[in-house]
Amino acid sequence: MRFLMQAAINMAVFLACALLFPTGFYLDNMLVAAVAAIILALLNGLIKPVLLILSLPLLVISLGSFSLIINAAMLEMTALFVPGFGFASFWWSFVVALILTLANLVFMDQKNIHIRRQ
């Protein structure tokens, strides 16, 4: 279920970014957005943990902000696999990675926090 939610959020962000940044982010149609969202969710599940472990010293030094660079690299890798999905430069993929990170932070229920009032 988490995989489907992740893919749906990715697809929504891709569609929104295609409307917001037409010169820096290329997206042919909704089907391409769906395929790219599924591929990105797969890459995030399979390859991203390895990259996070390999870049652990950089993550510690940068206090975790290097993970945005890893997210941008994952988007660039997705663009290699999906025709009709791409970026004008690495910085455009960084902007989309930042928006994806914020969207996942808001919409993904990673931990249930229950506050009891006493």
PDB file of N, CA and C in Angstrom:
ATOM      1  N   MET A   1       0.810  -1.186   0.000  1.00  0.00           N
ATOM      2  CA  MET A   1       0.000   0.000   0.000  1.00  0.00           C
ATOM      3  C   MET A   1       0.859   1.258   0.000  1.00  0.00           C
ATOM      4  N   ARG A   2       1.972   1.203   0.739  1.00  0.00           N
ATOM      5  CA  ARG A   2       2.887   2.345   0.798  1.00  0.00           C
ATOM      6  C   ARG A   2       3.470   2.638  -0.585  1.00  0.00           C
ATOM      7  N   PHE A   3       3.777   1.594  -1.342  1.00  0.00           N
ATOM      8  CA  PHE A   3       4.322   1.764  -2.687  1.00  0.00           C
ATOM      9  C   PHE A   3       3.340   2.518  -3.582  1.00  0.00           C
ATOM     10  N   LEU A   4       2.067   2.145  -3.526  1.00  0.00           N
ATOM     11  CA  LEU A   4       1.062   2.817  -4.345  1.00  0.00           C
ATOM     12  C   LEU A   4       0.876   4.275  -3.935  1.00  0.00           C
ATOM     13  N   MET A   5       0.900   4.528  -2.641  1.00  0.00           N
ATOM     14  CA  MET A   5       0.778   5.899  -2.162  1.00  0.00           C
ATOM     15  C   MET A   5       1.973   6.735  -2.611  1.00  0.00           C
ATOM     16  N   GLN A   6       3.156   6.159  -2.529  1.00  0.00           N
ATOM     17  CA  GLN A   6       4.373   6.842  -2.973  1.00  0.00           C
ATOM     18  C   GLN A   6       4.292   7.161  -4.464  1.00  0.00           C
ATOM     19  N   ALA A   7       3.860   6.198  -5.261  1.00  0.00           N
ATOM     20  CA  ALA A   7       3.742   6.416  -6.701  1.00  0.00           C
ATOM     21  C   ALA A   7       2.691   7.472  -7.026  1.00  0.00           C
ATOM     22  N   ALA A   8       1.584   7.478  -6.294  1.00  0.00           N
ATOM     23  CA  ALA A   8       0.536   8.478  -6.543  1.00  0.00           C
ATOM     24  C   ALA A   8       1.020   9.887  -6.210  1.00  0.00           C
ATOM     25  N   ILE A   9       1.743  10.031  -5.116  1.00  0.00           N
ATOM     26  CA  ILE A   9       2.290  11.343  -4.757  1.00  0.00           C
ATOM     27  C   ILE A   9       3.317  11.787  -5.789  1.00  0.00           C
ATOM     28  N   ASN A  10       4.179  10.861  -6.210  1.00  0.00           N
ATOM     29  CA  ASN A  10       5.178  11.191  -7.235  1.00  0.00           C
ATOM     30  C   ASN A  10       4.509  11.663  -8.517  1.00  0.00           C
ATOM     31  N   MET A  11       3.469  10.956  -8.937  1.00  0.00           N
ATOM     32  CA  MET A  11       2.773  11.324 -10.172  1.00  0.00           C
ATOM     33  C   MET A  11       2.130  12.707 -10.053  1.00  0.00           C
ATOM     34  N   ALA A  12       1.509  12.988  -8.920  1.00  0.00           N
ATOM     35  CA  ALA A  12       0.877  14.295  -8.722  1.00  0.00           C
ATOM     36  C   ALA A  12       1.914  15.415  -8.746  1.00  0.00           C
ATOM     37  N   VAL A  13       3.053  15.175  -8.125  1.00  0.00           N
ATOM     38  CA  VAL A  13       4.114  16.190  -8.136  1.00  0.00           C
ATOM     39  C   VAL A  13       4.684  16.361  -9.534  1.00  0.00           C
ATOM     40  N   PHE A  14       4.838  15.278 -10.277  1.00  0.00           N
ATOM     41  CA  PHE A  14       5.331  15.395 -11.652  1.00  0.00           C
ATOM     42  C   PHE A  14       4.388  16.223 -12.511  1.00  0.00           C
ATOM     43  N   LEU A  15       3.100  15.976 -12.376  1.00  0.00           N
ATOM     44  CA  LEU A  15       2.120  16.731 -13.165  1.00  0.00           C
ATOM     45  C   LEU A  15       2.116  18.203 -12.764  1.00  0.00           C
ATOM     46  N   ALA A  16       2.212  18.474 -11.480  1.00  0.00           N
ATOM     47  CA  ALA A  16       2.239  19.869 -11.022  1.00  0.00           C
ATOM     48  C   ALA A  16       3.509  20.575 -11.480  1.00  0.00           C
ATOM     49  N   CYS A  17       4.634  19.891 -11.403  1.00  0.00           N
ATOM     50  CA  CYS A  17       5.900  20.510 -11.824  1.00  0.00           C
ATOM     51  C   CYS A  17       5.942  20.728 -13.332  1.00  0.00           C
ATOM     52  N   ALA A  18       5.299  19.851 -14.082  1.00  0.00           N
ATOM     53  CA  ALA A  18       5.251  20.045 -15.538  1.00  0.00           C
ATOM     54  C   ALA A  18       4.464  21.307 -15.879  1.00  0.00           C
ATOM     55  N   LEU A  19       3.460  21.624 -15.081  1.00  0.00           N
ATOM     56  CA  LEU A  19       2.699  22.857 -15.296  1.00  0.00           C
ATOM     57  C   LEU A  19       3.445  24.085 -14.778  1.00  0.00           C
ATOM     58  N   LEU A  20       4.138  23.938 -13.657  1.00  0.00           N
ATOM     59  CA  LEU A  20       4.831  25.076 -13.059  1.00  0.00           C
ATOM     60  C   LEU A  20       6.137  25.429 -13.770  1.00  0.00           C
ATOM     61  N   PHE A  21       6.862  24.425 -14.234  1.00  0.00           N
ATOM     62  CA  PHE A  21       8.186  24.640 -14.830  1.00  0.00           C
ATOM     63  C   PHE A  21       8.246  24.057 -16.239  1.00  0.00           C
ATOM     64  N   PRO A  22       7.545  24.650 -17.215  1.00  0.00           N
ATOM     65  CA  PRO A  22       7.512  24.049 -18.554  1.00  0.00           C
ATOM     66  C   PRO A  22       8.847  24.109 -19.293  1.00  0.00           C
ATOM     67  N   THR A  23       9.751  25.007 -18.898  1.00  0.00           N
ATOM     68  CA  THR A  23      11.031  25.091 -19.602  1.00  0.00           C
ATOM     69  C   THR A  23      12.094  24.186 -19.000  1.00  0.00           C
ATOM     70  N   GLY A  24      11.942  23.788 -17.753  1.00  0.00           N
ATOM     71  CA  GLY A  24      12.983  22.993 -17.117  1.00  0.00           C
ATOM     72  C   GLY A  24      12.637  21.545 -16.895  1.00  0.00           C
ATOM     73  N   PHE A  25      11.353  21.217 -16.962  1.00  0.00           N
ATOM     74  CA  PHE A  25      10.911  19.853 -16.678  1.00  0.00           C
ATOM     75  C   PHE A  25      10.047  19.378 -17.833  1.00  0.00           C
ATOM     76  N   TYR A  26      10.443  18.280 -18.464  1.00  0.00           N
ATOM     77  CA  TYR A  26       9.756  17.766 -19.648  1.00  0.00           C
ATOM     78  C   TYR A  26       8.951  16.526 -19.291  1.00  0.00           C
ATOM     79  N   LEU A  27       7.672  16.578 -19.633  1.00  0.00           N
ATOM     80  CA  LEU A  27       6.770  15.463 -19.376  1.00  0.00           C
ATOM     81  C   LEU A  27       5.786  15.405 -20.532  1.00  0.00           C
ATOM     82  N   ASP A  28       5.784  14.289 -21.255  1.00  0.00           N
ATOM     83  CA  ASP A  28       4.948  14.188 -22.452  1.00  0.00           C
ATOM     84  C   ASP A  28       3.457  14.115 -22.137  1.00  0.00           C
ATOM     85  N   ASN A  29       3.073  13.192 -21.264  1.00  0.00           N
ATOM     86  CA  ASN A  29       1.649  13.020 -20.963  1.00  0.00           C
ATOM     87  C   ASN A  29       1.476  12.344 -19.606  1.00  0.00           C
ATOM     88  N   MET A  30       0.233  12.069 -19.256  1.00  0.00           N
ATOM     89  CA  MET A  30      -0.051  11.476 -17.950  1.00  0.00           C
ATOM     90  C   MET A  30       0.451  10.039 -17.833  1.00  0.00           C
ATOM     91  N   LEU A  31       0.438   9.315 -18.933  1.00  0.00           N
ATOM     92  CA  LEU A  31       0.943   7.946 -18.898  1.00  0.00           C
ATOM     93  C   LEU A  31       2.433   7.933 -18.586  1.00  0.00           C
ATOM     94  N   VAL A  32       3.165   8.857 -19.186  1.00  0.00           N
ATOM     95  CA  VAL A  32       4.600   8.973 -18.897  1.00  0.00           C
ATOM     96  C   VAL A  32       4.804   9.333 -17.429  1.00  0.00           C
ATOM     97  N   ALA A  33       3.954  10.212 -16.892  1.00  0.00           N
ATOM     98  CA  ALA A  33       4.048  10.578 -15.481  1.00  0.00           C
ATOM     99  C   ALA A  33       3.804   9.359 -14.592  1.00  0.00           C
ATOM    100  N   ALA A  34       2.835   8.528 -14.953  1.00  0.00           N
ATOM    101  CA  ALA A  34       2.543   7.328 -14.160  1.00  0.00           C
ATOM    102  C   ALA A  34       3.697   6.334 -14.206  1.00  0.00           C
ATOM    103  N   VAL A  35       4.245   6.112 -15.390  1.00  0.00           N
ATOM    104  CA  VAL A  35       5.375   5.180 -15.533  1.00  0.00           C
ATOM    105  C   VAL A  35       6.586   5.708 -14.775  1.00  0.00           C
ATOM    106  N   ALA A  36       6.858   7.003 -14.905  1.00  0.00           N
ATOM    107  CA  ALA A  36       8.002   7.594 -14.205  1.00  0.00           C
ATOM    108  C   ALA A  36       7.813   7.514 -12.692  1.00  0.00           C
ATOM    109  N   ALA A  37       6.598   7.698 -12.219  1.00  0.00           N
ATOM    110  CA  ALA A  37       6.336   7.609 -10.782  1.00  0.00           C
ATOM    111  C   ALA A  37       6.572   6.193 -10.266  1.00  0.00           C
ATOM    112  N   ILE A  38       6.159   5.203 -11.033  1.00  0.00           N
ATOM    113  CA  ILE A  38       6.371   3.805 -10.622  1.00  0.00           C
ATOM    114  C   ILE A  38       7.856   3.461 -10.661  1.00  0.00           C
ATOM    115  N   ILE A  39       8.552   3.883 -11.718  1.00  0.00           N
ATOM    116  CA  ILE A  39       9.988   3.617 -11.821  1.00  0.00           C
ATOM    117  C   ILE A  39      10.736   4.302 -10.673  1.00  0.00           C
ATOM    118  N   LEU A  40      10.369   5.555 -10.366  1.00  0.00           N
ATOM    119  CA  LEU A  40      11.035   6.257  -9.268  1.00  0.00           C
ATOM    120  C   LEU A  40      10.769   5.565  -7.934  1.00  0.00           C
ATOM    121  N   ALA A  41       9.562   5.105  -7.709  1.00  0.00           N
ATOM    122  CA  ALA A  41       9.258   4.396  -6.469  1.00  0.00           C
ATOM    123  C   ALA A  41      10.060   3.094  -6.373  1.00  0.00           C
ATOM    124  N   LEU A  42      10.219   2.397  -7.498  1.00  0.00           N
ATOM    125  CA  LEU A  42      11.045   1.178  -7.510  1.00  0.00           C
ATOM    126  C   LEU A  42      12.508   1.489  -7.229  1.00  0.00           C
ATOM    127  N   LEU A  43      13.033   2.538  -7.884  1.00  0.00           N
ATOM    128  CA  LEU A  43      14.425   2.915  -7.663  1.00  0.00           C
ATOM    129  C   LEU A  43      14.656   3.374  -6.229  1.00  0.00           C
ATOM    130  N   ASN A  44      13.683   4.092  -5.670  1.00  0.00           N
ATOM    131  CA  ASN A  44      13.810   4.527  -4.283  1.00  0.00           C
ATOM    132  C   ASN A  44      13.810   3.342  -3.323  1.00  0.00           C
ATOM    133  N   GLY A  45      13.120   2.286  -3.673  1.00  0.00           N
ATOM    134  CA  GLY A  45      13.101   1.104  -2.815  1.00  0.00           C
ATOM    135  C   GLY A  45      14.312   0.211  -2.972  1.00  0.00           C
ATOM    136  N   LEU A  46      14.889   0.171  -4.176  1.00  0.00           N
ATOM    137  CA  LEU A  46      15.986  -0.760  -4.439  1.00  0.00           C
ATOM    138  C   LEU A  46      17.373  -0.123  -4.378  1.00  0.00           C
ATOM    139  N   ILE A  47      17.556   1.021  -5.006  1.00  0.00           N
ATOM    140  CA  ILE A  47      18.888   1.602  -5.152  1.00  0.00           C
ATOM    141  C   ILE A  47      19.178   2.680  -4.120  1.00  0.00           C
ATOM    142  N   LYS A  48      18.177   3.438  -3.736  1.00  0.00           N
ATOM    143  CA  LYS A  48      18.410   4.551  -2.821  1.00  0.00           C
ATOM    144  C   LYS A  48      18.983   4.123  -1.469  1.00  0.00           C
ATOM    145  N   PRO A  49      18.546   3.013  -0.870  1.00  0.00           N
ATOM    146  CA  PRO A  49      19.171   2.622   0.408  1.00  0.00           C
ATOM    147  C   PRO A  49      20.665   2.353   0.287  1.00  0.00           C
ATOM    148  N   VAL A  50      21.081   1.782  -0.829  1.00  0.00           N
ATOM    149  CA  VAL A  50      22.510   1.525  -1.044  1.00  0.00           C
ATOM    150  C   VAL A  50      23.265   2.843  -1.164  1.00  0.00           C
ATOM    151  N   LEU A  51      22.696   3.795  -1.913  1.00  0.00           N
ATOM    152  CA  LEU A  51      23.334   5.104  -2.058  1.00  0.00           C
ATOM    153  C   LEU A  51      23.412   5.841  -0.729  1.00  0.00           C
ATOM    154  N   LEU A  52      22.386   5.710   0.095  1.00  0.00           N
ATOM    155  CA  LEU A  52      22.406   6.357   1.403  1.00  0.00           C
ATOM    156  C   LEU A  52      23.494   5.782   2.300  1.00  0.00           C
ATOM    157  N   ILE A  53      23.683   4.478   2.248  1.00  0.00           N
ATOM    158  CA  ILE A  53      24.732   3.854   3.059  1.00  0.00           C
ATOM    159  C   ILE A  53      26.111   4.253   2.554  1.00  0.00           C
ATOM    160  N   LEU A  54      26.280   4.268   1.227  1.00  0.00           N
ATOM    161  CA  LEU A  54      27.579   4.634   0.667  1.00  0.00           C
ATOM    162  C   LEU A  54      27.934   6.096   0.930  1.00  0.00           C
ATOM    163  N   SER A  55      26.937   6.944   1.010  1.00  0.00           N
ATOM    164  CA  SER A  55      27.195   8.371   1.216  1.00  0.00           C
ATOM    165  C   SER A  55      26.990   8.794   2.667  1.00  0.00           C
ATOM    166  N   LEU A  56      27.028   7.864   3.571  1.00  0.00           N
ATOM    167  CA  LEU A  56      26.787   8.169   4.979  1.00  0.00           C
ATOM    168  C   LEU A  56      27.716   9.247   5.537  1.00  0.00           C
ATOM    169  N   PRO A  57      29.019   9.232   5.232  1.00  0.00           N
ATOM    170  CA  PRO A  57      29.864  10.330   5.754  1.00  0.00           C
ATOM    171  C   PRO A  57      29.421  11.715   5.259  1.00  0.00           C
ATOM    172  N   LEU A  58      29.039  11.810   3.988  1.00  0.00           N
ATOM    173  CA  LEU A  58      28.568  13.092   3.457  1.00  0.00           C
ATOM    174  C   LEU A  58      27.238  13.499   4.084  1.00  0.00           C
ATOM    175  N   LEU A  59      26.394  12.528   4.343  1.00  0.00           N
ATOM    176  CA  LEU A  59      25.116  12.822   4.998  1.00  0.00           C
ATOM    177  C   LEU A  59      25.326  13.354   6.412  1.00  0.00           C
ATOM    178  N   VAL A  60      26.285  12.781   7.115  1.00  0.00           N
ATOM    179  CA  VAL A  60      26.564  13.231   8.479  1.00  0.00           C
ATOM    180  C   VAL A  60      27.164  14.639   8.463  1.00  0.00           C
ATOM    181  N   ILE A  61      28.110  14.867   7.569  1.00  0.00           N
ATOM    182  CA  ILE A  61      28.758  16.188   7.497  1.00  0.00           C
ATOM    183  C   ILE A  61      27.755  17.270   7.103  1.00  0.00           C
ATOM    184  N   SER A  62      26.860  16.948   6.174  1.00  0.00           N
ATOM    185  CA  SER A  62      25.891  17.946   5.699  1.00  0.00           C
ATOM    186  C   SER A  62      24.605  17.965   6.509  1.00  0.00           C
ATOM    187  N   LEU A  63      24.575  17.211   7.591  1.00  0.00           N
ATOM    188  CA  LEU A  63      23.390  17.112   8.451  1.00  0.00           C
ATOM    189  C   LEU A  63      22.165  16.629   7.684  1.00  0.00           C
ATOM    190  N   GLY A  64      22.362  15.753   6.733  1.00  0.00           N
ATOM    191  CA  GLY A  64      21.267  15.126   6.004  1.00  0.00           C
ATOM    192  C   GLY A  64      20.847  15.831   4.735  1.00  0.00           C
ATOM    193  N   SER A  65      21.358  17.023   4.487  1.00  0.00           N
ATOM    194  CA  SER A  65      20.913  17.754   3.296  1.00  0.00           C
ATOM    195  C   SER A  65      21.475  17.156   2.008  1.00  0.00           C
ATOM    196  N   PHE A  66      22.488  16.305   2.100  1.00  0.00           N
ATOM    197  CA  PHE A  66      23.004  15.625   0.912  1.00  0.00           C
ATOM    198  C   PHE A  66      21.967  14.660   0.339  1.00  0.00           C
ATOM    199  N   SER A  67      20.986  14.294   1.127  1.00  0.00           N
ATOM    200  CA  SER A  67      19.945  13.396   0.621  1.00  0.00           C
ATOM    201  C   SER A  67      19.148  14.047  -0.508  1.00  0.00           C
ATOM    202  N   LEU A  68      19.084  15.376  -0.545  1.00  0.00           N
ATOM    203  CA  LEU A  68      18.434  16.052  -1.674  1.00  0.00           C
ATOM    204  C   LEU A  68      19.206  15.829  -2.971  1.00  0.00           C
ATOM    205  N   ILE A  69      20.531  15.807  -2.879  1.00  0.00           N
ATOM    206  CA  ILE A  69      21.348  15.513  -4.058  1.00  0.00           C
ATOM    207  C   ILE A  69      21.104  14.079  -4.516  1.00  0.00           C
ATOM    208  N   ILE A  70      20.982  13.159  -3.568  1.00  0.00           N
ATOM    209  CA  ILE A  70      20.682  11.769  -3.911  1.00  0.00           C
ATOM    210  C   ILE A  70      19.307  11.665  -4.557  1.00  0.00           C
ATOM    211  N   ASN A  71      18.321  12.400  -4.034  1.00  0.00           N
ATOM    212  CA  ASN A  71      16.986  12.393  -4.630  1.00  0.00           C
ATOM    213  C   ASN A  71      17.016  12.944  -6.054  1.00  0.00           C
ATOM    214  N   ALA A  72      17.786  14.006  -6.276  1.00  0.00           N
ATOM    215  CA  ALA A  72      17.919  14.557  -7.628  1.00  0.00           C
ATOM    216  C   ALA A  72      18.588  13.552  -8.559  1.00  0.00           C
ATOM    217  N   ALA A  73      19.574  12.834  -8.049  1.00  0.00           N
ATOM    218  CA  ALA A  73      20.229  11.801  -8.858  1.00  0.00           C
ATOM    219  C   ALA A  73      19.258  10.665  -9.198  1.00  0.00           C
ATOM    220  N   MET A  74      18.375  10.329  -8.259  1.00  0.00           N
ATOM    221  CA  MET A  74      17.372   9.299  -8.529  1.00  0.00           C
ATOM    222  C   MET A  74      16.403   9.768  -9.617  1.00  0.00           C
ATOM    223  N   LEU A  75      16.059  11.049  -9.601  1.00  0.00           N
ATOM    224  CA  LEU A  75      15.200  11.587 -10.656  1.00  0.00           C
ATOM    225  C   LEU A  75      15.909  11.563 -12.008  1.00  0.00           C
ATOM    226  N   GLU A  76      17.183  11.897 -12.023  1.00  0.00           N
ATOM    227  CA  GLU A  76      17.947  11.828 -13.274  1.00  0.00           C
ATOM    228  C   GLU A  76      18.035  10.389 -13.778  1.00  0.00           C
ATOM    229  N   MET A  77      18.181   9.442 -12.863  1.00  0.00           N
ATOM    230  CA  MET A  77      18.223   8.035 -13.245  1.00  0.00           C
ATOM    231  C   MET A  77      16.875   7.592 -13.806  1.00  0.00           C
ATOM    232  N   THR A  78      15.798   8.085 -13.226  1.00  0.00           N
ATOM    233  CA  THR A  78      14.460   7.792 -13.746  1.00  0.00           C
ATOM    234  C   THR A  78      14.313   8.348 -15.155  1.00  0.00           C
ATOM    235  N   ALA A  79      14.861   9.536 -15.392  1.00  0.00           N
ATOM    236  CA  ALA A  79      14.790  10.155 -16.721  1.00  0.00           C
ATOM    237  C   ALA A  79      15.542   9.329 -17.760  1.00  0.00           C
ATOM    238  N   LEU A  80      16.560   8.590 -17.333  1.00  0.00           N
ATOM    239  CA  LEU A  80      17.279   7.718 -18.270  1.00  0.00           C
ATOM    240  C   LEU A  80      16.415   6.541 -18.722  1.00  0.00           C
ATOM    241  N   PHE A  81      15.565   6.055 -17.826  1.00  0.00           N
ATOM    242  CA  PHE A  81      14.749   4.877 -18.123  1.00  0.00           C
ATOM    243  C   PHE A  81      13.425   5.185 -18.801  1.00  0.00           C
ATOM    244  N   VAL A  82      12.912   6.407 -18.641  1.00  0.00           N
ATOM    245  CA  VAL A  82      11.574   6.738 -19.138  1.00  0.00           C
ATOM    246  C   VAL A  82      11.679   7.779 -20.250  1.00  0.00           C
ATOM    247  N   PRO A  83      11.373   7.399 -21.486  1.00  0.00           N
ATOM    248  CA  PRO A  83      11.363   8.402 -22.553  1.00  0.00           C
ATOM    249  C   PRO A  83      10.169   9.349 -22.392  1.00  0.00           C
ATOM    250  N   GLY A  84      10.403  10.619 -22.685  1.00  0.00           N
ATOM    251  CA  GLY A  84       9.352  11.614 -22.522  1.00  0.00           C
ATOM    252  C   GLY A  84       9.340  12.258 -21.148  1.00  0.00           C
ATOM    253  N   PHE A  85      10.331  11.925 -20.339  1.00  0.00           N
ATOM    254  CA  PHE A  85      10.465  12.450 -18.978  1.00  0.00           C
ATOM    255  C   PHE A  85      11.900  12.919 -18.835  1.00  0.00           C
ATOM    256  N   GLY A  86      12.093  14.204 -18.539  1.00  0.00           N
ATOM    257  CA  GLY A  86      13.462  14.688 -18.437  1.00  0.00           C
ATOM    258  C   GLY A  86      13.558  16.077 -17.843  1.00  0.00           C
ATOM    259  N   PHE A  87      14.795  16.505 -17.681  1.00  0.00           N
ATOM    260  CA  PHE A  87      15.094  17.788 -17.073  1.00  0.00           C
ATOM    261  C   PHE A  87      16.064  18.550 -17.959  1.00  0.00           C
ATOM    262  N   ALA A  88      15.979  19.888 -17.916  1.00  0.00           N
ATOM    263  CA  ALA A  88      16.882  20.711 -18.700  1.00  0.00           C
ATOM    264  C   ALA A  88      18.288  20.693 -18.113  1.00  0.00           C
ATOM    265  N   SER A  89      18.392  20.578 -16.792  1.00  0.00           N
ATOM    266  CA  SER A  89      19.694  20.510 -16.132  1.00  0.00           C
ATOM    267  C   SER A  89      19.535  19.787 -14.798  1.00  0.00           C
ATOM    268  N   PHE A  90      20.681  19.543 -14.162  1.00  0.00           N
ATOM    269  CA  PHE A  90      20.634  18.878 -12.864  1.00  0.00           C
ATOM    270  C   PHE A  90      19.913  19.736 -11.833  1.00  0.00           C
ATOM    271  N   TRP A  91      20.025  21.044 -11.946  1.00  0.00           N
ATOM    272  CA  TRP A  91      19.385  21.931 -10.970  1.00  0.00           C
ATOM    273  C   TRP A  91      17.876  21.877 -11.054  1.00  0.00           C
ATOM    274  N   TRP A  92      17.335  21.638 -12.240  1.00  0.00           N
ATOM    275  CA  TRP A  92      15.886  21.455 -12.348  1.00  0.00           C
ATOM    276  C   TRP A  92      15.470  20.164 -11.655  1.00  0.00           C
ATOM    277  N   SER A  93      16.275  19.133 -11.777  1.00  0.00           N
ATOM    278  CA  SER A  93      15.947  17.901 -11.060  1.00  0.00           C
ATOM    279  C   SER A  93      16.081  18.113  -9.554  1.00  0.00           C
ATOM    280  N   PHE A  94      16.998  18.973  -9.132  1.00  0.00           N
ATOM    281  CA  PHE A  94      17.130  19.308  -7.711  1.00  0.00           C
ATOM    282  C   PHE A  94      15.882  20.020  -7.204  1.00  0.00           C
ATOM    283  N   VAL A  95      15.341  20.943  -8.009  1.00  0.00           N
ATOM    284  CA  VAL A  95      14.117  21.666  -7.613  1.00  0.00           C
ATOM    285  C   VAL A  95      12.952  20.689  -7.487  1.00  0.00           C
ATOM    286  N   VAL A  96      12.811  19.790  -8.454  1.00  0.00           N
ATOM    287  CA  VAL A  96      11.725  18.806  -8.400  1.00  0.00           C
ATOM    288  C   VAL A  96      11.940  17.856  -7.222  1.00  0.00           C
ATOM    289  N   ALA A  97      13.192  17.494  -6.937  1.00  0.00           N
ATOM    290  CA  ALA A  97      13.487  16.645  -5.783  1.00  0.00           C
ATOM    291  C   ALA A  97      13.113  17.334  -4.483  1.00  0.00           C
ATOM    292  N   LEU A  98      13.347  18.633  -4.400  1.00  0.00           N
ATOM    293  CA  LEU A  98      12.965  19.382  -3.214  1.00  0.00           C
ATOM    294  C   LEU A  98      11.450  19.396  -3.035  1.00  0.00           C
ATOM    295  N   ILE A  99      10.722  19.592  -4.137  1.00  0.00           N
ATOM    296  CA  ILE A  99       9.257  19.591  -4.070  1.00  0.00           C
ATOM    297  C   ILE A  99       8.739  18.194  -3.722  1.00  0.00           C
ATOM    298  N   LEU A 100       9.356  17.158  -4.307  1.00  0.00           N
ATOM    299  CA  LEU A 100       8.966  15.781  -3.969  1.00  0.00           C
ATOM    300  C   LEU A 100       9.204  15.484  -2.494  1.00  0.00           C
ATOM    301  N   THR A 101      10.326  15.951  -1.977  1.00  0.00           N
ATOM    302  CA  THR A 101      10.631  15.718  -0.567  1.00  0.00           C
ATOM    303  C   THR A 101       9.600  16.387   0.326  1.00  0.00           C
ATOM    304  N   LEU A 102       9.249  17.626   0.010  1.00  0.00           N
ATOM    305  CA  LEU A 102       8.242  18.330   0.807  1.00  0.00           C
ATOM    306  C   LEU A 102       6.876  17.662   0.700  1.00  0.00           C
ATOM    307  N   ALA A 103       6.509  17.222  -0.503  1.00  0.00           N
ATOM    308  CA  ALA A 103       5.217  16.560  -0.679  1.00  0.00           C
ATOM    309  C   ALA A 103       5.168  15.236   0.085  1.00  0.00           C
ATOM    310  N   ASN A 104       6.252  14.475   0.034  1.00  0.00           N
ATOM    311  CA  ASN A 104       6.285  13.213   0.775  1.00  0.00           C
ATOM    312  C   ASN A 104       6.266  13.460   2.276  1.00  0.00           C
ATOM    313  N   LEU A 105       6.902  14.525   2.713  1.00  0.00           N
ATOM    314  CA  LEU A 105       6.898  14.857   4.131  1.00  0.00           C
ATOM    315  C   LEU A 105       5.490  15.189   4.606  1.00  0.00           C
ATOM    316  N   VAL A 106       4.735  15.877   3.765  1.00  0.00           N
ATOM    317  CA  VAL A 106       3.385  16.283   4.151  1.00  0.00           C
ATOM    318  C   VAL A 106       2.384  15.135   4.024  1.00  0.00           C
ATOM    319  N   PHE A 107       2.448  14.385   2.923  1.00  0.00           N
ATOM    320  CA  PHE A 107       1.374  13.440   2.618  1.00  0.00           C
ATOM    321  C   PHE A 107       1.631  11.996   3.043  1.00  0.00           C
ATOM    322  N   MET A 108       2.856  11.606   3.255  1.00  0.00           N
ATOM    323  CA  MET A 108       3.117  10.232   3.665  1.00  0.00           C
ATOM    324  C   MET A 108       3.025  10.127   5.176  1.00  0.00           C
ATOM    325  N   ASP A 109       2.265   9.173   5.658  1.00  0.00           N
ATOM    326  CA  ASP A 109       2.108   8.954   7.092  1.00  0.00           C
ATOM    327  C   ASP A 109       3.171   7.969   7.531  1.00  0.00           C
ATOM    328  N   GLN A 110       4.361   8.480   7.832  1.00  0.00           N
ATOM    329  CA  GLN A 110       5.462   7.594   8.186  1.00  0.00           C
ATOM    330  C   GLN A 110       5.367   7.099   9.620  1.00  0.00           C
ATOM    331  N   LYS A 111       4.953   7.969  10.499  1.00  0.00           N
ATOM    332  CA  LYS A 111       4.836   7.577  11.900  1.00  0.00           C
ATOM    333  C   LYS A 111       3.551   8.168  12.452  1.00  0.00           C
ATOM    334  N   ASN A 112       2.853   7.359  13.147  1.00  0.00           N
ATOM    335  CA  ASN A 112       1.655   7.853  13.816  1.00  0.00           C
ATOM    336  C   ASN A 112       2.060   8.434  15.164  1.00  0.00           C
ATOM    337  N   ILE A 113       1.789   9.698  15.335  1.00  0.00           N
ATOM    338  CA  ILE A 113       2.117  10.353  16.585  1.00  0.00           C
ATOM    339  C   ILE A 113       0.808  10.685  17.290  1.00  0.00           C
ATOM    340  N   HIS A 114       0.642  10.128  18.439  1.00  0.00           N
ATOM    341  CA  HIS A 114      -0.561  10.358  19.226  1.00  0.00           C
ATOM    342  C   HIS A 114      -0.190  11.192  20.437  1.00  0.00           C
ATOM    343  N   ILE A 115      -0.853  12.309  20.576  1.00  0.00           N
ATOM    344  CA  ILE A 115      -0.593  13.190  21.723  1.00  0.00           C
ATOM    345  C   ILE A 115      -1.792  13.100  22.652  1.00  0.00           C
ATOM    346  N   ARG A 116      -1.531  12.734  23.855  1.00  0.00           N
ATOM    347  CA  ARG A 116      -2.593  12.665  24.851  1.00  0.00           C
ATOM    348  C   ARG A 116      -2.525  13.897  25.728  1.00  0.00           C
ATOM    349  N   ARG A 117      -3.663  14.488  25.901  1.00  0.00           N
ATOM    350  CA  ARG A 117      -3.733  15.645  26.806  1.00  0.00           C
ATOM    351  C   ARG A 117      -4.062  15.141  28.188  1.00  0.00           C
ATOM    352  N   GLN A 118      -3.350  15.654  29.153  1.00  0.00           N
ATOM    353  CA  GLN A 118      -3.571  15.190  30.522  1.00  0.00           C
ATOM    354  C   GLN A 118      -4.127  16.273  31.386  1.00  0.00           C
TER     355      GLN A 118
END
